[in-house]
PDB file of N, CA and C in Angstrom:
ATOM      1  N   MET A   1      14.472   2.204  17.633  1.00  0.00           N
ATOM      2  CA  MET A   1      13.110   2.615  17.031  1.00  0.00           C
ATOM      3  C   MET A   1      13.014   0.771  16.004  1.00  0.00           C
ATOM      4  N   ASN A   2      12.090   0.730  15.199  1.00  0.00           N
ATOM      5  CA  ASN A   2      11.357  -0.586  14.599  1.00  0.00           C
ATOM      6  C   ASN A   2      11.232  -0.446  13.190  1.00  0.00           C
ATOM      7  N   ALA A   3      11.739  -1.579  12.487  1.00  0.00           N
ATOM      8  CA  ALA A   3      12.009  -1.697  10.772  1.00  0.00           C
ATOM      9  C   ALA A   3      10.891  -0.808  10.481  1.00  0.00           C
ATOM     10  N   LYS A   4       9.330  -0.461  11.057  1.00  0.00           N
ATOM     11  CA  LYS A   4       8.265   0.136  10.014  1.00  0.00           C
ATOM     12  C   LYS A   4       8.609   1.382  10.225  1.00  0.00           C
ATOM     13  N   LEU A   5       9.051   1.926  11.468  1.00  0.00           N
ATOM     14  CA  LEU A   5       9.323   3.372  11.695  1.00  0.00           C
ATOM     15  C   LEU A   5      10.476   3.520  10.450  1.00  0.00           C
ATOM     16  N   LEU A   6      11.036   3.603  11.107  1.00  0.00           N
ATOM     17  CA  LEU A   6      12.994   3.437  10.412  1.00  0.00           C
ATOM     18  C   LEU A   6      12.288   3.204   8.638  1.00  0.00           C
ATOM     19  N   LEU A   7      12.099   3.016   8.485  1.00  0.00           N
ATOM     20  CA  LEU A   7      11.697   2.651   6.708  1.00  0.00           C
ATOM     21  C   LEU A   7      10.417   4.032   6.208  1.00  0.00           C
ATOM     22  N   ASP A   8      10.324   4.131   7.523  1.00  0.00           N
ATOM     23  CA  ASP A   8       9.138   5.668   7.002  1.00  0.00           C
ATOM     24  C   ASP A   8       9.829   6.698   7.006  1.00  0.00           C
ATOM     25  N   ASP A   9      10.765   6.664   8.477  1.00  0.00           N
ATOM     26  CA  ASP A   9      11.716   7.860   7.996  1.00  0.00           C
ATOM     27  C   ASP A   9      11.953   7.738   6.927  1.00  0.00           C
ATOM     28  N   LEU A  10      12.899   7.222   6.604  1.00  0.00           N
ATOM     29  CA  LEU A  10      13.932   7.004   5.658  1.00  0.00           C
ATOM     30  C   LEU A  10      13.309   7.242   3.817  1.00  0.00           C
ATOM     31  N   ARG A  11      12.078   6.607   4.582  1.00  0.00           N
ATOM     32  CA  ARG A  11      11.106   7.065   2.523  1.00  0.00           C
ATOM     33  C   ARG A  11      10.965   8.487   2.844  1.00  0.00           C
ATOM     34  N   GLY A  12      11.086   9.045   3.993  1.00  0.00           N
ATOM     35  CA  GLY A  12      10.370  10.383   4.079  1.00  0.00           C
ATOM     36  C   GLY A  12      11.323  11.142   4.155  1.00  0.00           C
ATOM     37  N   ARG A  13      13.180  10.758   4.153  1.00  0.00           N
ATOM     38  CA  ARG A  13      14.050  11.553   3.503  1.00  0.00           C
ATOM     39  C   ARG A  13      14.685  11.317   1.881  1.00  0.00           C
ATOM     40  N   GLY A  14      13.510  10.733   1.446  1.00  0.00           N
ATOM     41  CA  GLY A  14      13.790  10.960  -0.048  1.00  0.00           C
ATOM     42  C   GLY A  14      15.035   9.187  -0.425  1.00  0.00           C
ATOM     43  N   VAL A  15      14.981   8.237   0.899  1.00  0.00           N
ATOM     44  CA  VAL A  15      15.928   7.352   0.292  1.00  0.00           C
ATOM     45  C   VAL A  15      14.964   5.983   0.007  1.00  0.00           C
ATOM     46  N   LYS A  16      15.185   5.814  -1.054  1.00  0.00           N
ATOM     47  CA  LYS A  16      15.040   4.465  -1.723  1.00  0.00           C
ATOM     48  C   LYS A  16      15.488   3.279  -1.566  1.00  0.00           C
ATOM     49  N   ILE A  17      14.420   2.173  -0.743  1.00  0.00           N
ATOM     50  CA  ILE A  17      15.052   0.771  -0.506  1.00  0.00           C
ATOM     51  C   ILE A  17      14.730  -0.445  -0.930  1.00  0.00           C
ATOM     52  N   GLU A  18      15.120  -1.361  -1.161  1.00  0.00           N
ATOM     53  CA  GLU A  18      14.923  -2.552  -1.636  1.00  0.00           C
ATOM     54  C   GLU A  18      15.304  -3.577  -1.374  1.00  0.00           C
ATOM     55  N   THR A  19      15.186  -4.233  -1.982  1.00  0.00           N
ATOM     56  CA  THR A  19      16.278  -6.492  -2.021  1.00  0.00           C
ATOM     57  C   THR A  19      16.334  -6.927  -2.795  1.00  0.00           C
ATOM     58  N   ASP A  20      17.392  -7.358  -2.098  1.00  0.00           N
ATOM     59  CA  ASP A  20      18.167  -8.529  -3.869  1.00  0.00           C
ATOM     60  C   ASP A  20      18.317  -9.633  -2.615  1.00  0.00           C
ATOM     61  N   GLY A  21      17.755 -10.740  -2.467  1.00  0.00           N
ATOM     62  CA  GLY A  21      18.337 -11.680  -1.813  1.00  0.00           C
ATOM     63  C   GLY A  21      17.744 -11.685  -0.390  1.00  0.00           C
ATOM     64  N   GLU A  22      19.148 -11.384   0.531  1.00  0.00           N
ATOM     65  CA  GLU A  22      19.018 -10.848   1.927  1.00  0.00           C
ATOM     66  C   GLU A  22      19.709  -9.607   1.796  1.00  0.00           C
ATOM     67  N   ARG A  23      19.977  -8.834   0.796  1.00  0.00           N
ATOM     68  CA  ARG A  23      20.812  -7.826   0.887  1.00  0.00           C
ATOM     69  C   ARG A  23      19.817  -6.828   0.651  1.00  0.00           C
ATOM     70  N   LEU A  24      19.931  -5.511   1.204  1.00  0.00           N
ATOM     71  CA  LEU A  24      19.157  -3.957   1.647  1.00  0.00           C
ATOM     72  C   LEU A  24      20.057  -3.522   0.321  1.00  0.00           C
ATOM     73  N   LEU A  25      19.571  -3.111  -0.486  1.00  0.00           N
ATOM     74  CA  LEU A  25      19.502  -1.621  -1.208  1.00  0.00           C
ATOM     75  C   LEU A  25      19.570  -0.529  -1.388  1.00  0.00           C
ATOM     76  N   VAL A  26      20.373   0.769  -0.755  1.00  0.00           N
ATOM     77  CA  VAL A  26      19.893   2.070  -0.664  1.00  0.00           C
ATOM     78  C   VAL A  26      20.531   3.017  -1.056  1.00  0.00           C
ATOM     79  N   ASP A  27      19.470   3.588  -1.903  1.00  0.00           N
ATOM     80  CA  ASP A  27      19.797   4.559  -2.803  1.00  0.00           C
ATOM     81  C   ASP A  27      19.083   6.022  -2.104  1.00  0.00           C
ATOM     82  N   ALA A  28      20.906   6.634  -1.660  1.00  0.00           N
ATOM     83  CA  ALA A  28      19.628   7.701  -0.447  1.00  0.00           C
ATOM     84  C   ALA A  28      20.518   8.752  -1.075  1.00  0.00           C
ATOM     85  N   PRO A  29      19.973  10.202  -1.065  1.00  0.00           N
ATOM     86  CA  PRO A  29      20.700  11.256  -1.399  1.00  0.00           C
ATOM     87  C   PRO A  29      21.566  11.449  -0.910  1.00  0.00           C
ATOM     88  N   ALA A  30      22.968  12.209  -1.306  1.00  0.00           N
ATOM     89  CA  ALA A  30      23.884  12.491  -0.675  1.00  0.00           C
ATOM     90  C   ALA A  30      23.616  12.805   1.036  1.00  0.00           C
ATOM     91  N   GLY A  31      24.815  12.580   1.916  1.00  0.00           N
ATOM     92  CA  GLY A  31      24.765  13.058   3.480  1.00  0.00           C
ATOM     93  C   GLY A  31      23.419  12.415   4.234  1.00  0.00           C
ATOM     94  N   VAL A  32      22.200  12.071   3.645  1.00  0.00           N
ATOM     95  CA  VAL A  32      20.741  11.383   4.321  1.00  0.00           C
ATOM     96  C   VAL A  32      21.631   9.951   5.164  1.00  0.00           C
ATOM     97  N   ILE A  33      22.137   9.768   5.211  1.00  0.00           N
ATOM     98  CA  ILE A  33      22.173   8.260   5.596  1.00  0.00           C
ATOM     99  C   ILE A  33      23.758   8.913   6.546  1.00  0.00           C
ATOM    100  N   THR A  34      23.219   8.744   7.792  1.00  0.00           N
ATOM    101  CA  THR A  34      24.323   9.255   8.749  1.00  0.00           C
ATOM    102  C   THR A  34      25.079   8.170   9.663  1.00  0.00           C
ATOM    103  N   GLU A  35      25.528   7.888  10.584  1.00  0.00           N
ATOM    104  CA  GLU A  35      26.202   6.852  11.236  1.00  0.00           C
ATOM    105  C   GLU A  35      24.896   6.002  12.376  1.00  0.00           C
ATOM    106  N   ASP A  36      24.427   7.419  12.783  1.00  0.00           N
ATOM    107  CA  ASP A  36      22.531   6.771  13.372  1.00  0.00           C
ATOM    108  C   ASP A  36      22.296   6.080  13.032  1.00  0.00           C
ATOM    109  N   LEU A  37      21.435   6.265  11.359  1.00  0.00           N
ATOM    110  CA  LEU A  37      20.615   5.550  10.555  1.00  0.00           C
ATOM    111  C   LEU A  37      21.590   4.599  10.011  1.00  0.00           C
ATOM    112  N   ARG A  38      22.733   4.433   9.781  1.00  0.00           N
ATOM    113  CA  ARG A  38      22.842   3.002   8.719  1.00  0.00           C
ATOM    114  C   ARG A  38      23.598   2.303  10.860  1.00  0.00           C
ATOM    115  N   ASP A  39      23.660   2.502  11.969  1.00  0.00           N
ATOM    116  CA  ASP A  39      23.264   1.564  12.937  1.00  0.00           C
ATOM    117  C   ASP A  39      21.760   0.651  12.679  1.00  0.00           C
ATOM    118  N   ALA A  40      21.547   1.662  12.377  1.00  0.00           N
ATOM    119  CA  ALA A  40      19.946   1.636  12.763  1.00  0.00           C
ATOM    120  C   ALA A  40      19.155   0.800  11.715  1.00  0.00           C
ATOM    121  N   LEU A  41      20.042   0.839  10.479  1.00  0.00           N
ATOM    122  CA  LEU A  41      19.749  -0.006   9.402  1.00  0.00           C
ATOM    123  C   LEU A  41      20.625  -1.502   9.815  1.00  0.00           C
ATOM    124  N   ILE A  42      21.252  -2.130  10.714  1.00  0.00           N
ATOM    125  CA  ILE A  42      22.457  -2.787  10.411  1.00  0.00           C
ATOM    126  C   ILE A  42      20.978  -3.786  11.074  1.00  0.00           C
ATOM    127  N   LYS A  43      21.045  -2.652  12.454  1.00  0.00           N
ATOM    128  CA  LYS A  43      20.305  -3.556  13.833  1.00  0.00           C
ATOM    129  C   LYS A  43      18.782  -3.328  12.844  1.00  0.00           C
ATOM    130  N   ASN A  44      18.212  -3.301  12.438  1.00  0.00           N
ATOM    131  CA  ASN A  44      16.509  -3.788  11.752  1.00  0.00           C
ATOM    132  C   ASN A  44      16.739  -4.081  10.146  1.00  0.00           C
ATOM    133  N   LYS A  45      17.925  -4.671   9.749  1.00  0.00           N
ATOM    134  CA  LYS A  45      18.283  -5.342   8.869  1.00  0.00           C
ATOM    135  C   LYS A  45      17.427  -6.589   7.989  1.00  0.00           C
ATOM    136  N   THR A  46      16.802  -7.883   9.390  1.00  0.00           N
ATOM    137  CA  THR A  46      15.988  -8.607   9.447  1.00  0.00           C
ATOM    138  C   THR A  46      14.853  -8.149   9.499  1.00  0.00           C
ATOM    139  N   GLY A  47      13.912  -7.349  10.398  1.00  0.00           N
ATOM    140  CA  GLY A  47      13.196  -6.488  10.259  1.00  0.00           C
ATOM    141  C   GLY A  47      12.595  -6.150   8.710  1.00  0.00           C
ATOM    142  N   LEU A  48      13.295  -5.108   8.199  1.00  0.00           N
ATOM    143  CA  LEU A  48      13.374  -4.583   6.724  1.00  0.00           C
ATOM    144  C   LEU A  48      13.220  -5.530   5.781  1.00  0.00           C
ATOM    145  N   LEU A  49      14.250  -6.366   5.750  1.00  0.00           N
ATOM    146  CA  LEU A  49      13.871  -7.341   4.667  1.00  0.00           C
ATOM    147  C   LEU A  49      12.728  -8.437   4.794  1.00  0.00           C
ATOM    148  N   LYS A  50      11.822  -8.574   5.873  1.00  0.00           N
ATOM    149  CA  LYS A  50      10.832  -9.352   6.215  1.00  0.00           C
ATOM    150  C   LYS A  50       9.712  -7.817   5.751  1.00  0.00           C
ATOM    151  N   LEU A  51      10.188  -6.939   6.039  1.00  0.00           N
ATOM    152  CA  LEU A  51       8.884  -6.118   5.596  1.00  0.00           C
ATOM    153  C   LEU A  51       8.430  -5.111   3.907  1.00  0.00           C
ATOM    154  N   LEU A  52       9.372  -5.280   3.669  1.00  0.00           N
ATOM    155  CA  LEU A  52       9.971  -5.132   2.382  1.00  0.00           C
ATOM    156  C   LEU A  52       9.264  -6.228   1.578  1.00  0.00           C
ATOM    157  N   GLU A  53       9.868  -7.485   2.244  1.00  0.00           N
ATOM    158  CA  GLU A  53       8.806  -8.854   1.093  1.00  0.00           C
ATOM    159  C   GLU A  53       7.758  -8.528   1.717  1.00  0.00           C
ATOM    160  N   ARG A  54       7.113  -8.357   2.163  1.00  0.00           N
ATOM    161  CA  ARG A  54       6.038  -7.985   2.493  1.00  0.00           C
ATOM    162  C   ARG A  54       4.843  -7.556   1.473  1.00  0.00           C
ATOM    163  N   GLU A  55       5.789  -6.192   1.164  1.00  0.00           N
ATOM    164  CA  GLU A  55       5.074  -5.033   0.629  1.00  0.00           C
ATOM    165  C   GLU A  55       5.394  -5.635  -0.826  1.00  0.00           C
ATOM    166  N   ARG A  56       6.216  -5.750  -0.891  1.00  0.00           N
ATOM    167  CA  ARG A  56       6.409  -6.888  -2.686  1.00  0.00           C
ATOM    168  C   ARG A  56       4.992  -7.824  -3.007  1.00  0.00           C
ATOM    169  N   ARG A  57       5.077  -8.749  -1.810  1.00  0.00           N
ATOM    170  CA  ARG A  57       3.931  -9.991  -1.975  1.00  0.00           C
ATOM    171  C   ARG A  57       2.376  -8.682  -2.499  1.00  0.00           C
ATOM    172  N   ARG A  58       2.401  -8.087  -1.094  1.00  0.00           N
ATOM    173  CA  ARG A  58       0.730  -7.118  -1.135  1.00  0.00           C
ATOM    174  C   ARG A  58       1.082  -6.750  -2.478  1.00  0.00           C
ATOM    175  N   LEU A  59       1.592  -6.042  -2.830  1.00  0.00           N
ATOM    176  CA  LEU A  59       1.774  -5.184  -4.011  1.00  0.00           C
ATOM    177  C   LEU A  59       1.229  -6.178  -5.510  1.00  0.00           C
ATOM    178  N   GLU A  60       2.302  -7.395  -5.623  1.00  0.00           N
ATOM    179  CA  GLU A  60       2.030  -8.551  -6.572  1.00  0.00           C
ATOM    180  C   GLU A  60       0.376  -9.124  -6.282  1.00  0.00           C
ATOM    181  N   GLU A  61       0.356  -9.059  -5.275  1.00  0.00           N
ATOM    182  CA  GLU A  61      -1.275  -9.664  -4.993  1.00  0.00           C
ATOM    183  C   GLU A  61      -2.588  -8.374  -5.635  1.00  0.00           C
ATOM    184  N   ALA A  62      -2.068  -7.710  -5.796  1.00  0.00           N
ATOM    185  CA  ALA A  62      -2.945  -6.337  -5.801  1.00  0.00           C
ATOM    186  C   ALA A  62      -2.938  -6.203  -7.218  1.00  0.00           C
ATOM    187  N   SER A  63      -1.968  -5.876  -7.718  1.00  0.00           N
ATOM    188  CA  SER A  63      -2.345  -5.751  -9.146  1.00  0.00           C
ATOM    189  C   SER A  63      -2.651  -7.334 -10.076  1.00  0.00           C
ATOM    190  N   MET A  64      -2.558  -8.082  -9.258  1.00  0.00           N
ATOM    191  CA  MET A  64      -3.251  -9.570 -10.058  1.00  0.00           C
ATOM    192  C   MET A  64      -4.757  -9.309  -9.683  1.00  0.00           C
ATOM    193  N   ARG A  65      -5.075  -8.702  -8.706  1.00  0.00           N
ATOM    194  CA  ARG A  65      -6.284  -8.143  -8.183  1.00  0.00           C
ATOM    195  C   ARG A  65      -7.117  -7.180  -9.227  1.00  0.00           C
ATOM    196  N   GLY A  66      -6.170  -5.558  -9.649  1.00  0.00           N
ATOM    197  CA  GLY A  66      -6.559  -4.413 -10.748  1.00  0.00           C
ATOM    198  C   GLY A  66      -7.886  -4.235  -9.357  1.00  0.00           C
ATOM    199  N   LEU A  67      -8.075  -2.747  -9.938  1.00  0.00           N
ATOM    200  CA  LEU A  67      -8.889  -2.285  -9.491  1.00  0.00           C
ATOM    201  C   LEU A  67     -10.505  -2.460  -9.422  1.00  0.00           C
ATOM    202  N   ILE A  68     -10.762  -2.828  -8.112  1.00  0.00           N
ATOM    203  CA  ILE A  68     -12.532  -2.974  -7.972  1.00  0.00           C
ATOM    204  C   ILE A  68     -12.824  -2.156  -7.142  1.00  0.00           C
ATOM    205  N   ILE A  69     -14.087  -1.465  -7.536  1.00  0.00           N
ATOM    206  CA  ILE A  69     -15.430  -1.209  -6.807  1.00  0.00           C
ATOM    207  C   ILE A  69     -16.475  -1.547  -6.670  1.00  0.00           C
ATOM    208  N   ARG A  70     -17.348  -0.975  -5.227  1.00  0.00           N
ATOM    209  CA  ARG A  70     -18.475  -1.543  -4.691  1.00  0.00           C
ATOM    210  C   ARG A  70     -18.696  -0.456  -4.131  1.00  0.00           C
ATOM    211  N   TRP A  71     -20.095  -0.960  -3.641  1.00  0.00           N
ATOM    212  CA  TRP A  71     -20.737   0.244  -2.966  1.00  0.00           C
ATOM    213  C   TRP A  71     -19.708  -0.423  -1.230  1.00  0.00           C
ATOM    214  N   SER A  72     -19.606   1.035  -0.723  1.00  0.00           N
ATOM    215  CA  SER A  72     -19.057   0.523   0.593  1.00  0.00           C
ATOM    216  C   SER A  72     -20.445   0.036   1.530  1.00  0.00           C
ATOM    217  N   GLU A  73     -20.254  -0.454   2.942  1.00  0.00           N
ATOM    218  CA  GLU A  73     -21.150  -0.870   3.771  1.00  0.00           C
ATOM    219  C   GLU A  73     -21.802   0.283   4.325  1.00  0.00           C
ATOM    220  N   TYR A  74     -21.374   1.857   4.409  1.00  0.00           N
ATOM    221  CA  TYR A  74     -21.909   3.220   4.391  1.00  0.00           C
ATOM    222  C   TYR A  74     -22.483   3.556   3.109  1.00  0.00           C
ATOM    223  N   PRO A  75     -23.635   3.916   3.670  1.00  0.00           N
ATOM    224  CA  PRO A  75     -24.798   4.892   2.648  1.00  0.00           C
ATOM    225  C   PRO A  75     -24.278   5.666   2.370  1.00  0.00           C
ATOM    226  N   THR A  76     -23.458   5.745   0.751  1.00  0.00           N
ATOM    227  CA  THR A  76     -23.722   6.675  -0.068  1.00  0.00           C
ATOM    228  C   THR A  76     -22.099   7.104  -0.384  1.00  0.00           C
ATOM    229  N   TRP A  77     -21.564   6.095  -0.060  1.00  0.00           N
ATOM    230  CA  TRP A  77     -19.907   5.632   0.023  1.00  0.00           C
ATOM    231  C   TRP A  77     -19.641   4.594  -0.674  1.00  0.00           C
ATOM    232  N   ILE A  78     -18.693   4.856  -1.464  1.00  0.00           N
ATOM    233  CA  ILE A  78     -18.341   3.576  -2.748  1.00  0.00           C
ATOM    234  C   ILE A  78     -16.042   2.729  -1.898  1.00  0.00           C
ATOM    235  N   LYS A  79     -16.268   1.534  -2.400  1.00  0.00           N
ATOM    236  CA  LYS A  79     -14.752   1.668  -1.804  1.00  0.00           C
ATOM    237  C   LYS A  79     -14.187   0.981  -3.054  1.00  0.00           C
ATOM    238  N   LEU A  80     -12.729   1.414  -2.727  1.00  0.00           N
ATOM    239  CA  LEU A  80     -12.253   1.201  -4.342  1.00  0.00           C
ATOM    240  C   LEU A  80     -11.442   0.463  -3.575  1.00  0.00           C
ATOM    241  N   HIS A  81     -10.701  -0.796  -4.597  1.00  0.00           N
ATOM    242  CA  HIS A  81      -9.039  -1.426  -4.010  1.00  0.00           C
ATOM    243  C   HIS A  81      -8.023  -0.539  -5.357  1.00  0.00           C
ATOM    244  N   ASP A  82      -7.178  -0.366  -4.220  1.00  0.00           N
ATOM    245  CA  ASP A  82      -6.728   0.452  -5.275  1.00  0.00           C
ATOM    246  C   ASP A  82      -4.918  -0.611  -5.821  1.00  0.00           C
ATOM    247  N   PRO A  83      -5.168  -0.495  -6.669  1.00  0.00           N
ATOM    248  CA  PRO A  83      -4.018  -2.097  -7.444  1.00  0.00           C
ATOM    249  C   PRO A  83      -2.630  -1.010  -7.318  1.00  0.00           C
ATOM    250  N   LEU A  84      -2.176  -0.798  -7.342  1.00  0.00           N
ATOM    251  CA  LEU A  84      -1.044  -0.672  -7.119  1.00  0.00           C
ATOM    252  C   LEU A  84      -0.325  -0.659  -6.203  1.00  0.00           C
ATOM    253  N   THR A  85      -1.143  -0.457  -4.561  1.00  0.00           N
ATOM    254  CA  THR A  85      -0.777  -0.003  -3.475  1.00  0.00           C
ATOM    255  C   THR A  85      -1.486  -1.553  -2.277  1.00  0.00           C
ATOM    256  N   GLY A  86      -2.929  -1.649  -3.087  1.00  0.00           N
ATOM    257  CA  GLY A  86      -3.580  -3.207  -3.010  1.00  0.00           C
ATOM    258  C   GLY A  86      -3.985  -2.527  -1.346  1.00  0.00           C
ATOM    259  N   GLU A  87      -4.442  -1.175  -0.850  1.00  0.00           N
ATOM    260  CA  GLU A  87      -4.973  -0.830  -0.251  1.00  0.00           C
ATOM    261  C   GLU A  87      -6.519  -1.051  -0.505  1.00  0.00           C
ATOM    262  N   TRP A  88      -7.613  -0.570   0.202  1.00  0.00           N
ATOM    263  CA  TRP A  88      -8.936   0.071   0.107  1.00  0.00           C
ATOM    264  C   TRP A  88      -9.420   1.103   0.431  1.00  0.00           C
ATOM    265  N   HIS A  89      -9.698   2.063  -0.243  1.00  0.00           N
ATOM    266  CA  HIS A  89     -10.168   4.066  -0.471  1.00  0.00           C
ATOM    267  C   HIS A  89     -11.748   3.436  -0.599  1.00  0.00           C
ATOM    268  N   GLU A  90     -12.368   4.501   0.515  1.00  0.00           N
ATOM    269  CA  GLU A  90     -13.883   4.894   0.180  1.00  0.00           C
ATOM    270  C   GLU A  90     -13.923   6.197   0.076  1.00  0.00           C
ATOM    271  N   VAL A  91     -14.920   6.142  -1.016  1.00  0.00           N
ATOM    272  CA  VAL A  91     -14.807   8.377  -1.485  1.00  0.00           C
ATOM    273  C   VAL A  91     -16.905   8.350  -1.523  1.00  0.00           C
ATOM    274  N   ARG A  92     -17.042   9.205  -0.731  1.00  0.00           N
ATOM    275  CA  ARG A  92     -18.488   9.137  -1.232  1.00  0.00           C
ATOM    276  C   ARG A  92     -18.958   9.849  -2.770  1.00  0.00           C
ATOM    277  N   ALA A  93     -20.265   9.106  -2.886  1.00  0.00           N
ATOM    278  CA  ALA A  93     -20.201   8.815  -3.733  1.00  0.00           C
ATOM    279  C   ALA A  93     -20.650   9.596  -4.831  1.00  0.00           C
ATOM    280  N   SER A  94     -21.083  10.717  -4.748  1.00  0.00           N
ATOM    281  CA  SER A  94     -21.557  12.375  -4.978  1.00  0.00           C
ATOM    282  C   SER A  94     -19.787  12.811  -5.272  1.00  0.00           C
ATOM    283  N   GLU A  95     -18.470  12.456  -5.241  1.00  0.00           N
ATOM    284  CA  GLU A  95     -17.458  12.857  -5.529  1.00  0.00           C
ATOM    285  C   GLU A  95     -16.653  11.875  -6.749  1.00  0.00           C
ATOM    286  N   CYS A  96     -17.609  11.449  -7.257  1.00  0.00           N
ATOM    287  CA  CYS A  96     -17.059  10.058  -7.917  1.00  0.00           C
ATOM    288  C   CYS A  96     -17.378  10.679  -9.035  1.00  0.00           C
ATOM    289  N   LEU A  97     -16.930  10.076 -10.210  1.00  0.00           N
ATOM    290  CA  LEU A  97     -17.255   9.829 -11.499  1.00  0.00           C
ATOM    291  C   LEU A  97     -18.625   8.951 -12.317  1.00  0.00           C
ATOM    292  N   PRO A  98     -19.384   9.246 -12.974  1.00  0.00           N
ATOM    293  CA  PRO A  98     -20.042   8.424 -13.033  1.00  0.00           C
ATOM    294  C   PRO A  98     -20.161   7.419 -13.821  1.00  0.00           C
ATOM    295  N   GLY A  99     -19.157   6.590 -14.485  1.00  0.00           N
ATOM    296  CA  GLY A  99     -18.824   5.557 -14.433  1.00  0.00           C
ATOM    297  C   GLY A  99     -17.856   4.796 -13.378  1.00  0.00           C
ATOM    298  N   ILE A 100     -17.465   5.476 -12.221  1.00  0.00           N
ATOM    299  CA  ILE A 100     -17.559   4.617 -11.236  1.00  0.00           C
ATOM    300  C   ILE A 100     -18.972   4.314 -10.462  1.00  0.00           C
ATOM    301  N   ILE A 101     -19.813   4.875 -10.596  1.00  0.00           N
ATOM    302  CA  ILE A 101     -21.034   4.522  -9.708  1.00  0.00           C
ATOM    303  C   ILE A 101     -21.690   3.461 -10.545  1.00  0.00           C
ATOM    304  N   ARG A 102     -21.473   3.506 -11.910  1.00  0.00           N
ATOM    305  CA  ARG A 102     -22.137   2.335 -12.671  1.00  0.00           C
ATOM    306  C   ARG A 102     -21.633   1.343 -12.502  1.00  0.00           C
ATOM    307  N   THR A 103     -20.413   1.318 -12.195  1.00  0.00           N
ATOM    308  CA  THR A 103     -19.573   0.128 -11.595  1.00  0.00           C
ATOM    309  C   THR A 103     -19.986  -1.038 -10.519  1.00  0.00           C
ATOM    310  N   ALA A 104     -20.429   0.732  -9.530  1.00  0.00           N
ATOM    311  CA  ALA A 104     -20.481  -0.061  -8.097  1.00  0.00           C
ATOM    312  C   ALA A 104     -21.909  -0.981  -8.094  1.00  0.00           C
ATOM    313  N   ASN A 105     -22.244   0.072  -8.854  1.00  0.00           N
ATOM    314  CA  ASN A 105     -23.996  -0.300  -9.624  1.00  0.00           C
ATOM    315  C   ASN A 105     -24.711  -2.101 -10.039  1.00  0.00           C
ATOM    316  N   ARG A 106     -23.563  -1.799 -11.240  1.00  0.00           N
ATOM    317  CA  ARG A 106     -23.348  -3.250 -11.601  1.00  0.00           C
ATOM    318  C   ARG A 106     -23.215  -4.521 -10.569  1.00  0.00           C
ATOM    319  N   TYR A 107     -22.026  -4.200  -9.470  1.00  0.00           N
ATOM    320  CA  TYR A 107     -22.084  -5.199  -8.285  1.00  0.00           C
ATOM    321  C   TYR A 107     -22.905  -5.371  -7.403  1.00  0.00           C
ATOM    322  N   TYR A 108     -23.298  -4.543  -6.892  1.00  0.00           N
ATOM    323  CA  TYR A 108     -24.556  -3.833  -6.127  1.00  0.00           C
ATOM    324  C   TYR A 108     -25.953  -5.693  -5.819  1.00  0.00           C
ATOM    325  N   ARG A 109     -25.552  -5.914  -4.525  1.00  0.00           N
ATOM    326  CA  ARG A 109     -26.649  -6.989  -4.488  1.00  0.00           C
ATOM    327  C   ARG A 109     -27.620  -6.361  -2.793  1.00  0.00           C
ATOM    328  N   ARG A 110     -28.957  -6.525  -3.102  1.00  0.00           N
ATOM    329  CA  ARG A 110     -29.503  -5.953  -2.152  1.00  0.00           C
ATOM    330  C   ARG A 110     -29.315  -7.626  -1.367  1.00  0.00           C
ATOM    331  N   LYS A 111     -29.756  -7.076   0.392  1.00  0.00           N
ATOM    332  CA  LYS A 111     -29.303  -8.063   1.398  1.00  0.00           C
ATOM    333  C   LYS A 111     -30.104  -9.437   1.072  1.00  0.00           C
ATOM    334  N   ASP A 112     -31.961  -8.934   0.308  1.00  0.00           N
ATOM    335  CA  ASP A 112     -32.856  -9.927   0.379  1.00  0.00           C
ATOM    336  C   ASP A 112     -32.377 -10.893  -1.330  1.00  0.00           C
ATOM    337  N   ASP A 113     -31.337 -10.283  -2.115  1.00  0.00           N
ATOM    338  CA  ASP A 113     -31.203 -11.210  -3.074  1.00  0.00           C
ATOM    339  C   ASP A 113     -29.977 -12.340  -2.905  1.00  0.00           C
ATOM    340  N   THR A 114     -30.287 -13.301  -3.387  1.00  0.00           N
ATOM    341  CA  THR A 114     -29.950 -14.923  -2.990  1.00  0.00           C
ATOM    342  C   THR A 114     -29.053 -14.809  -4.271  1.00  0.00           C
ATOM    343  N   ALA A 115     -27.980 -15.442  -3.772  1.00  0.00           N
ATOM    344  CA  ALA A 115     -26.914 -15.651  -4.177  1.00  0.00           C
ATOM    345  C   ALA A 115     -26.489 -16.881  -5.567  1.00  0.00           C
TER     346      ALA A 115
END
């Protein structure tokens, strides 16, 4: 099992995992961490530290960006940047609130517009 799969598995079991320098801090419900999971944590410690650090940086960068609303490359869809996760989501414009549409229109540029 690689670090990403292990992290997904642990989170699916309700385990909270964080870093403190070169240490992993694991907070799990009683009985969840088996010997096999403990061995997997030890084996994947370096990968987990890197993965969690990458997630932390991505979340910091995302929160600096804030919410971004743009028209998608696909007609009738709006692209939203989630400041909490750093992920981009695409939503049908027909499902968006009017304020979202107005914000997307504010930043819309036609292909024949010059910068």
